Amino acid sequence: MQIYKKFMLREIREFRNRVYHKEPICFKGNIVDFSQAIQIRKFIFQITDWIDPKLLAVMIYYDNIINKIPQHYHPAEN
């Protein structure tokens, strides 16, 4: 589990760096692809839940990222 947490943190950090350096985060060539952004969101939620489940509840309450992505670009949330 510890290795998986390190993996998630590394992926979040690399994604954050791409955002900070204004690199494309949802395009692969000419194709719109939100899959990495959606996966990073899930990683952030998992790490937050590990740190403080009450904080996760607040994040979920205010989260509207999925609402900003057109439905046909991501799988249904469970």
PDB file of N, CA and C in Angstrom:
ATOM      1  N   MET A   1       0.826  -1.204   0.000  1.00  0.00           N
ATOM      2  CA  MET A   1       0.000   0.000   0.000  1.00  0.00           C
ATOM      3  C   MET A   1       0.864   1.260   0.000  1.00  0.00           C
ATOM      4  N   GLN A   2       1.962   1.224   0.731  1.00  0.00           N
ATOM      5  CA  GLN A   2       2.846   2.383   0.799  1.00  0.00           C
ATOM      6  C   GLN A   2       3.398   2.732  -0.585  1.00  0.00           C
ATOM      7  N   ILE A   3       3.759   1.715  -1.354  1.00  0.00           N
ATOM      8  CA  ILE A   3       4.278   1.951  -2.697  1.00  0.00           C
ATOM      9  C   ILE A   3       3.207   2.584  -3.575  1.00  0.00           C
ATOM     10  N   TYR A   4       1.955   2.120  -3.431  1.00  0.00           N
ATOM     11  CA  TYR A   4       0.861   2.686  -4.220  1.00  0.00           C
ATOM     12  C   TYR A   4       0.633   4.148  -3.860  1.00  0.00           C
ATOM     13  N   LYS A   5       0.734   4.502  -2.581  1.00  0.00           N
ATOM     14  CA  LYS A   5       0.582   5.910  -2.163  1.00  0.00           C
ATOM     15  C   LYS A   5       1.684   6.759  -2.774  1.00  0.00           C
ATOM     16  N   LYS A   6       2.905   6.247  -2.785  1.00  0.00           N
ATOM     17  CA  LYS A   6       4.006   6.996  -3.401  1.00  0.00           C
ATOM     18  C   LYS A   6       3.754   7.177  -4.893  1.00  0.00           C
ATOM     19  N   PHE A   7       3.236   6.131  -5.531  1.00  0.00           N
ATOM     20  CA  PHE A   7       2.900   6.224  -6.950  1.00  0.00           C
ATOM     21  C   PHE A   7       1.853   7.312  -7.180  1.00  0.00           C
ATOM     22  N   MET A   8       0.787   7.317  -6.364  1.00  0.00           N
ATOM     23  CA  MET A   8      -0.269   8.318  -6.515  1.00  0.00           C
ATOM     24  C   MET A   8       0.294   9.723  -6.320  1.00  0.00           C
ATOM     25  N   LEU A   9       1.097   9.910  -5.283  1.00  0.00           N
ATOM     26  CA  LEU A   9       1.673  11.231  -5.020  1.00  0.00           C
ATOM     27  C   LEU A   9       2.566  11.684  -6.167  1.00  0.00           C
ATOM     28  N   ARG A  10       3.334  10.765  -6.737  1.00  0.00           N
ATOM     29  CA  ARG A  10       4.192  11.116  -7.874  1.00  0.00           C
ATOM     30  C   ARG A  10       3.344  11.528  -9.076  1.00  0.00           C
ATOM     31  N   GLU A  11       2.278  10.775  -9.337  1.00  0.00           N
ATOM     32  CA  GLU A  11       1.398  11.103 -10.462  1.00  0.00           C
ATOM     33  C   GLU A  11       0.725  12.465 -10.259  1.00  0.00           C
ATOM     34  N   ILE A  12       0.276  12.745  -9.042  1.00  0.00           N
ATOM     35  CA  ILE A  12      -0.347  14.043  -8.733  1.00  0.00           C
ATOM     36  C   ILE A  12       0.666  15.165  -8.941  1.00  0.00           C
ATOM     37  N   ARG A  13       1.882  14.972  -8.436  1.00  0.00           N
ATOM     38  CA  ARG A  13       2.926  15.995  -8.565  1.00  0.00           C
ATOM     39  C   ARG A  13       3.261  16.249 -10.035  1.00  0.00           C
ATOM     40  N   GLU A  14       3.407  15.191 -10.813  1.00  0.00           N
ATOM     41  CA  GLU A  14       3.727  15.362 -12.233  1.00  0.00           C
ATOM     42  C   GLU A  14       2.593  16.070 -12.976  1.00  0.00           C
ATOM     43  N   PHE A  15       1.358  15.750 -12.640  1.00  0.00           N
ATOM     44  CA  PHE A  15       0.210  16.408 -13.258  1.00  0.00           C
ATOM     45  C   PHE A  15       0.187  17.889 -12.880  1.00  0.00           C
ATOM     46  N   ARG A  16       0.424  18.154 -11.599  1.00  0.00           N
ATOM     47  CA  ARG A  16       0.476  19.541 -11.119  1.00  0.00           C
ATOM     48  C   ARG A  16       1.557  20.323 -11.855  1.00  0.00           C
ATOM     49  N   ASN A  17       2.705  19.718 -12.069  1.00  0.00           N
ATOM     50  CA  ASN A  17       3.785  20.392 -12.789  1.00  0.00           C
ATOM     51  C   ASN A  17       3.389  20.698 -14.228  1.00  0.00           C
ATOM     52  N   ARG A  18       2.685  19.785 -14.853  1.00  0.00           N
ATOM     53  CA  ARG A  18       2.214  20.028 -16.224  1.00  0.00           C
ATOM     54  C   ARG A  18       1.245  21.202 -16.253  1.00  0.00           C
ATOM     55  N   VAL A  19       0.356  21.273 -15.274  1.00  0.00           N
ATOM     56  CA  VAL A  19      -0.587  22.392 -15.193  1.00  0.00           C
ATOM     57  C   VAL A  19       0.183  23.691 -14.975  1.00  0.00           C
ATOM     58  N   TYR A  20       1.101  23.677 -14.017  1.00  0.00           N
ATOM     59  CA  TYR A  20       1.869  24.879 -13.674  1.00  0.00           C
ATOM     60  C   TYR A  20       2.669  25.392 -14.874  1.00  0.00           C
ATOM     61  N   HIS A  21       3.204  24.488 -15.673  1.00  0.00           N
ATOM     62  CA  HIS A  21       4.008  24.883 -16.827  1.00  0.00           C
ATOM     63  C   HIS A  21       3.170  25.059 -18.089  1.00  0.00           C
ATOM     64  N   LYS A  22       1.848  25.084 -17.887  1.00  0.00           N
ATOM     65  CA  LYS A  22       0.887  25.344 -18.962  1.00  0.00           C
ATOM     66  C   LYS A  22       0.989  24.342 -20.113  1.00  0.00           C
ATOM     67  N   GLU A  23       1.281  23.105 -19.762  1.00  0.00           N
ATOM     68  CA  GLU A  23       1.294  22.039 -20.762  1.00  0.00           C
ATOM     69  C   GLU A  23      -0.126  21.511 -20.936  1.00  0.00           C
ATOM     70  N   PRO A  24      -0.444  20.987 -22.103  1.00  0.00           N
ATOM     71  CA  PRO A  24      -1.791  20.422 -22.302  1.00  0.00           C
ATOM     72  C   PRO A  24      -2.041  19.257 -21.335  1.00  0.00           C
ATOM     73  N   ILE A  25      -3.194  19.264 -20.698  1.00  0.00           N
ATOM     74  CA  ILE A  25      -3.505  18.189 -19.750  1.00  0.00           C
ATOM     75  C   ILE A  25      -4.667  17.322 -20.224  1.00  0.00           C
ATOM     76  N   CYS A  26      -5.339  17.744 -21.270  1.00  0.00           N
ATOM     77  CA  CYS A  26      -6.476  16.937 -21.722  1.00  0.00           C
ATOM     78  C   CYS A  26      -6.494  16.772 -23.239  1.00  0.00           C
ATOM     79  N   PHE A  27      -5.317  16.841 -23.831  1.00  0.00           N
ATOM     80  CA  PHE A  27      -5.224  16.630 -25.279  1.00  0.00           C
ATOM     81  C   PHE A  27      -4.106  15.645 -25.577  1.00  0.00           C
ATOM     82  N   LYS A  28      -4.393  14.728 -26.451  1.00  0.00           N
ATOM     83  CA  LYS A  28      -3.376  13.821 -26.994  1.00  0.00           C
ATOM     84  C   LYS A  28      -3.410  14.040 -28.495  1.00  0.00           C
ATOM     85  N   GLY A  29      -2.515  14.896 -28.961  1.00  0.00           N
ATOM     86  CA  GLY A  29      -2.569  15.304 -30.355  1.00  0.00           C
ATOM     87  C   GLY A  29      -3.804  16.153 -30.564  1.00  0.00           C
ATOM     88  N   ASN A  30      -4.645  15.738 -31.496  1.00  0.00           N
ATOM     89  CA  ASN A  30      -5.894  16.465 -31.775  1.00  0.00           C
ATOM     90  C   ASN A  30      -7.092  15.871 -31.055  1.00  0.00           C
ATOM     91  N   ILE A  31      -6.841  14.919 -30.164  1.00  0.00           N
ATOM     92  CA  ILE A  31      -7.940  14.227 -29.483  1.00  0.00           C
ATOM     93  C   ILE A  31      -8.094  14.762 -28.062  1.00  0.00           C
ATOM     94  N   VAL A  32      -9.317  15.081 -27.690  1.00  0.00           N
ATOM     95  CA  VAL A  32      -9.612  15.503 -26.322  1.00  0.00           C
ATOM     96  C   VAL A  32      -9.693  14.250 -25.459  1.00  0.00           C
ATOM     97  N   ASP A  33      -8.928  14.230 -24.370  1.00  0.00           N
ATOM     98  CA  ASP A  33      -8.880  13.058 -23.493  1.00  0.00           C
ATOM     99  C   ASP A  33      -8.738  13.508 -22.044  1.00  0.00           C
ATOM    100  N   PHE A  34      -9.801  13.377 -21.281  1.00  0.00           N
ATOM    101  CA  PHE A  34      -9.809  13.787 -19.884  1.00  0.00           C
ATOM    102  C   PHE A  34      -9.459  12.645 -18.932  1.00  0.00           C
ATOM    103  N   SER A  35      -9.084  11.489 -19.459  1.00  0.00           N
ATOM    104  CA  SER A  35      -8.887  10.317 -18.603  1.00  0.00           C
ATOM    105  C   SER A  35      -7.807  10.531 -17.545  1.00  0.00           C
ATOM    106  N   GLN A  36      -6.713  11.193 -17.892  1.00  0.00           N
ATOM    107  CA  GLN A  36      -5.666  11.415 -16.893  1.00  0.00           C
ATOM    108  C   GLN A  36      -6.150  12.383 -15.817  1.00  0.00           C
ATOM    109  N   ALA A  37      -6.843  13.442 -16.199  1.00  0.00           N
ATOM    110  CA  ALA A  37      -7.356  14.402 -15.220  1.00  0.00           C
ATOM    111  C   ALA A  37      -8.346  13.726 -14.270  1.00  0.00           C
ATOM    112  N   ILE A  38      -9.184  12.864 -14.802  1.00  0.00           N
ATOM    113  CA  ILE A  38     -10.152  12.147 -13.967  1.00  0.00           C
ATOM    114  C   ILE A  38      -9.426  11.193 -13.023  1.00  0.00           C
ATOM    115  N   GLN A  39      -8.396  10.519 -13.514  1.00  0.00           N
ATOM    116  CA  GLN A  39      -7.627   9.602 -12.661  1.00  0.00           C
ATOM    117  C   GLN A  39      -6.902  10.364 -11.549  1.00  0.00           C
ATOM    118  N   ILE A  40      -6.330  11.512 -11.870  1.00  0.00           N
ATOM    119  CA  ILE A  40      -5.639  12.319 -10.859  1.00  0.00           C
ATOM    120  C   ILE A  40      -6.628  12.782  -9.799  1.00  0.00           C
ATOM    121  N   ARG A  41      -7.818  13.154 -10.216  1.00  0.00           N
ATOM    122  CA  ARG A  41      -8.861  13.549  -9.254  1.00  0.00           C
ATOM    123  C   ARG A  41      -9.140  12.396  -8.282  1.00  0.00           C
ATOM    124  N   LYS A  42      -9.234  11.182  -8.810  1.00  0.00           N
ATOM    125  CA  LYS A  42      -9.470  10.018  -7.950  1.00  0.00           C
ATOM    126  C   LYS A  42      -8.302   9.803  -6.986  1.00  0.00           C
ATOM    127  N   PHE A  43      -7.069   9.957  -7.484  1.00  0.00           N
ATOM    128  CA  PHE A  43      -5.898   9.830  -6.617  1.00  0.00           C
ATOM    129  C   PHE A  43      -5.934  10.871  -5.495  1.00  0.00           C
ATOM    130  N   ILE A  44      -6.277  12.114  -5.843  1.00  0.00           N
ATOM    131  CA  ILE A  44      -6.351  13.182  -4.833  1.00  0.00           C
ATOM    132  C   ILE A  44      -7.385  12.823  -3.775  1.00  0.00           C
ATOM    133  N   PHE A  45      -8.525  12.305  -4.200  1.00  0.00           N
ATOM    134  CA  PHE A  45      -9.551  11.895  -3.235  1.00  0.00           C
ATOM    135  C   PHE A  45      -9.058  10.755  -2.348  1.00  0.00           C
ATOM    136  N   GLN A  46      -8.369   9.781  -2.921  1.00  0.00           N
ATOM    137  CA  GLN A  46      -7.863   8.661  -2.129  1.00  0.00           C
ATOM    138  C   GLN A  46      -6.836   9.126  -1.102  1.00  0.00           C
ATOM    139  N   ILE A  47      -5.920   9.971  -1.529  1.00  0.00           N
ATOM    140  CA  ILE A  47      -4.903  10.482  -0.596  1.00  0.00           C
ATOM    141  C   ILE A  47      -5.552  11.327   0.488  1.00  0.00           C
ATOM    142  N   THR A  48      -6.500  12.160   0.119  1.00  0.00           N
ATOM    143  CA  THR A  48      -7.191  12.993   1.108  1.00  0.00           C
ATOM    144  C   THR A  48      -7.936  12.128   2.110  1.00  0.00           C
ATOM    145  N   ASP A  49      -8.593  11.080   1.640  1.00  0.00           N
ATOM    146  CA  ASP A  49      -9.307  10.170   2.535  1.00  0.00           C
ATOM    147  C   ASP A  49      -8.343   9.498   3.509  1.00  0.00           C
ATOM    148  N   TRP A  50      -7.179   9.169   3.043  1.00  0.00           N
ATOM    149  CA  TRP A  50      -6.159   8.557   3.891  1.00  0.00           C
ATOM    150  C   TRP A  50      -5.700   9.544   4.968  1.00  0.00           C
ATOM    151  N   ILE A  51      -5.571  10.824   4.601  1.00  0.00           N
ATOM    152  CA  ILE A  51      -5.120  11.847   5.554  1.00  0.00           C
ATOM    153  C   ILE A  51      -6.227  12.200   6.542  1.00  0.00           C
ATOM    154  N   ASP A  52      -7.430  12.490   6.004  1.00  0.00           N
ATOM    155  CA  ASP A  52      -8.538  12.918   6.867  1.00  0.00           C
ATOM    156  C   ASP A  52      -9.866  12.705   6.146  1.00  0.00           C
ATOM    157  N   PRO A  53     -10.597  11.653   6.494  1.00  0.00           N
ATOM    158  CA  PRO A  53     -11.874  11.373   5.824  1.00  0.00           C
ATOM    159  C   PRO A  53     -12.879  12.530   5.913  1.00  0.00           C
ATOM    160  N   LYS A  54     -12.833  13.309   6.980  1.00  0.00           N
ATOM    161  CA  LYS A  54     -13.745  14.454   7.091  1.00  0.00           C
ATOM    162  C   LYS A  54     -13.424  15.514   6.047  1.00  0.00           C
ATOM    163  N   LEU A  55     -12.161  15.697   5.767  1.00  0.00           N
ATOM    164  CA  LEU A  55     -11.761  16.644   4.735  1.00  0.00           C
ATOM    165  C   LEU A  55     -12.232  16.169   3.364  1.00  0.00           C
ATOM    166  N   LEU A  56     -12.179  14.886   3.137  1.00  0.00           N
ATOM    167  CA  LEU A  56     -12.663  14.339   1.871  1.00  0.00           C
ATOM    168  C   LEU A  56     -14.139  14.674   1.673  1.00  0.00           C
ATOM    169  N   ALA A  57     -14.921  14.561   2.714  1.00  0.00           N
ATOM    170  CA  ALA A  57     -16.350  14.877   2.611  1.00  0.00           C
ATOM    171  C   ALA A  57     -16.553  16.331   2.187  1.00  0.00           C
ATOM    172  N   VAL A  58     -15.749  17.232   2.709  1.00  0.00           N
ATOM    173  CA  VAL A  58     -15.835  18.650   2.325  1.00  0.00           C
ATOM    174  C   VAL A  58     -15.433  18.825   0.862  1.00  0.00           C
ATOM    175  N   MET A  59     -14.361  18.154   0.472  1.00  0.00           N
ATOM    176  CA  MET A  59     -13.918  18.247  -0.925  1.00  0.00           C
ATOM    177  C   MET A  59     -14.998  17.751  -1.875  1.00  0.00           C
ATOM    178  N   ILE A  60     -15.602  16.637  -1.550  1.00  0.00           N
ATOM    179  CA  ILE A  60     -16.649  16.076  -2.410  1.00  0.00           C
ATOM    180  C   ILE A  60     -17.835  17.031  -2.496  1.00  0.00           C
ATOM    181  N   TYR A  61     -18.170  17.663  -1.378  1.00  0.00           N
ATOM    182  CA  TYR A  61     -19.292  18.602  -1.354  1.00  0.00           C
ATOM    183  C   TYR A  61     -19.058  19.755  -2.343  1.00  0.00           C
ATOM    184  N   TYR A  62     -17.824  20.284  -2.379  1.00  0.00           N
ATOM    185  CA  TYR A  62     -17.524  21.432  -3.222  1.00  0.00           C
ATOM    186  C   TYR A  62     -17.006  21.068  -4.611  1.00  0.00           C
ATOM    187  N   ASP A  63     -16.697  19.827  -4.840  1.00  0.00           N
ATOM    188  CA  ASP A  63     -16.143  19.395  -6.126  1.00  0.00           C
ATOM    189  C   ASP A  63     -17.166  19.538  -7.240  1.00  0.00           C
ATOM    190  N   ASN A  64     -16.750  20.176  -8.319  1.00  0.00           N
ATOM    191  CA  ASN A  64     -17.623  20.257  -9.491  1.00  0.00           C
ATOM    192  C   ASN A  64     -16.850  19.991 -10.775  1.00  0.00           C
ATOM    193  N   ILE A  65     -15.691  19.371 -10.644  1.00  0.00           N
ATOM    194  CA  ILE A  65     -14.851  19.094 -11.805  1.00  0.00           C
ATOM    195  C   ILE A  65     -15.580  18.210 -12.820  1.00  0.00           C
ATOM    196  N   ILE A  66     -16.184  17.137 -12.351  1.00  0.00           N
ATOM    197  CA  ILE A  66     -16.860  16.221 -13.276  1.00  0.00           C
ATOM    198  C   ILE A  66     -17.983  16.938 -14.024  1.00  0.00           C
ATOM    199  N   ASN A  67     -18.629  17.897 -13.378  1.00  0.00           N
ATOM    200  CA  ASN A  67     -19.698  18.645 -14.045  1.00  0.00           C
ATOM    201  C   ASN A  67     -19.167  19.531 -15.165  1.00  0.00           C
ATOM    202  N   LYS A  68     -17.885  19.854 -15.129  1.00  0.00           N
ATOM    203  CA  LYS A  68     -17.285  20.705 -16.157  1.00  0.00           C
ATOM    204  C   LYS A  68     -16.853  19.909 -17.387  1.00  0.00           C
ATOM    205  N   ILE A  69     -16.726  18.598 -17.234  1.00  0.00           N
ATOM    206  CA  ILE A  69     -16.305  17.740 -18.343  1.00  0.00           C
ATOM    207  C   ILE A  69     -17.555  17.187 -19.016  1.00  0.00           C
ATOM    208  N   PRO A  70     -17.697  17.404 -20.295  1.00  0.00           N
ATOM    209  CA  PRO A  70     -18.876  16.851 -20.983  1.00  0.00           C
ATOM    210  C   PRO A  70     -19.003  15.344 -20.739  1.00  0.00           C
ATOM    211  N   GLN A  71     -20.206  14.882 -20.538  1.00  0.00           N
ATOM    212  CA  GLN A  71     -20.480  13.489 -20.157  1.00  0.00           C
ATOM    213  C   GLN A  71     -19.853  12.484 -21.114  1.00  0.00           C
ATOM    214  N   HIS A  72     -19.827  12.782 -22.391  1.00  0.00           N
ATOM    215  CA  HIS A  72     -19.299  11.815 -23.351  1.00  0.00           C
ATOM    216  C   HIS A  72     -17.773  11.681 -23.288  1.00  0.00           C
ATOM    217  N   TYR A  73     -17.099  12.493 -22.471  1.00  0.00           N
ATOM    218  CA  TYR A  73     -15.640  12.398 -22.334  1.00  0.00           C
ATOM    219  C   TYR A  73     -15.196  11.578 -21.130  1.00  0.00           C
ATOM    220  N   HIS A  74     -16.114  11.135 -20.293  1.00  0.00           N
ATOM    221  CA  HIS A  74     -15.704  10.355 -19.139  1.00  0.00           C
ATOM    222  C   HIS A  74     -16.752   9.306 -18.802  1.00  0.00           C
ATOM    223  N   PRO A  75     -16.295   8.231 -18.178  1.00  0.00           N
ATOM    224  CA  PRO A  75     -17.252   7.189 -17.779  1.00  0.00           C
ATOM    225  C   PRO A  75     -18.137   7.679 -16.650  1.00  0.00           C
ATOM    226  N   ALA A  76     -19.266   7.059 -16.498  1.00  0.00           N
ATOM    227  CA  ALA A  76     -20.178   7.432 -15.403  1.00  0.00           C
ATOM    228  C   ALA A  76     -19.491   7.219 -14.069  1.00  0.00           C
ATOM    229  N   GLU A  77     -19.690   8.166 -13.170  1.00  0.00           N
ATOM    230  CA  GLU A  77     -19.124   8.059 -11.825  1.00  0.00           C
ATOM    231  C   GLU A  77     -19.953   7.082 -11.020  1.00  0.00           C
ATOM    232  N   ASN A  78     -19.276   6.269 -10.248  1.00  0.00           N
ATOM    233  CA  ASN A  78     -19.979   5.314  -9.381  1.00  0.00           C
ATOM    234  C   ASN A  78     -20.151   5.897  -8.015  1.00  0.00           C
TER     235      ASN A  78
END
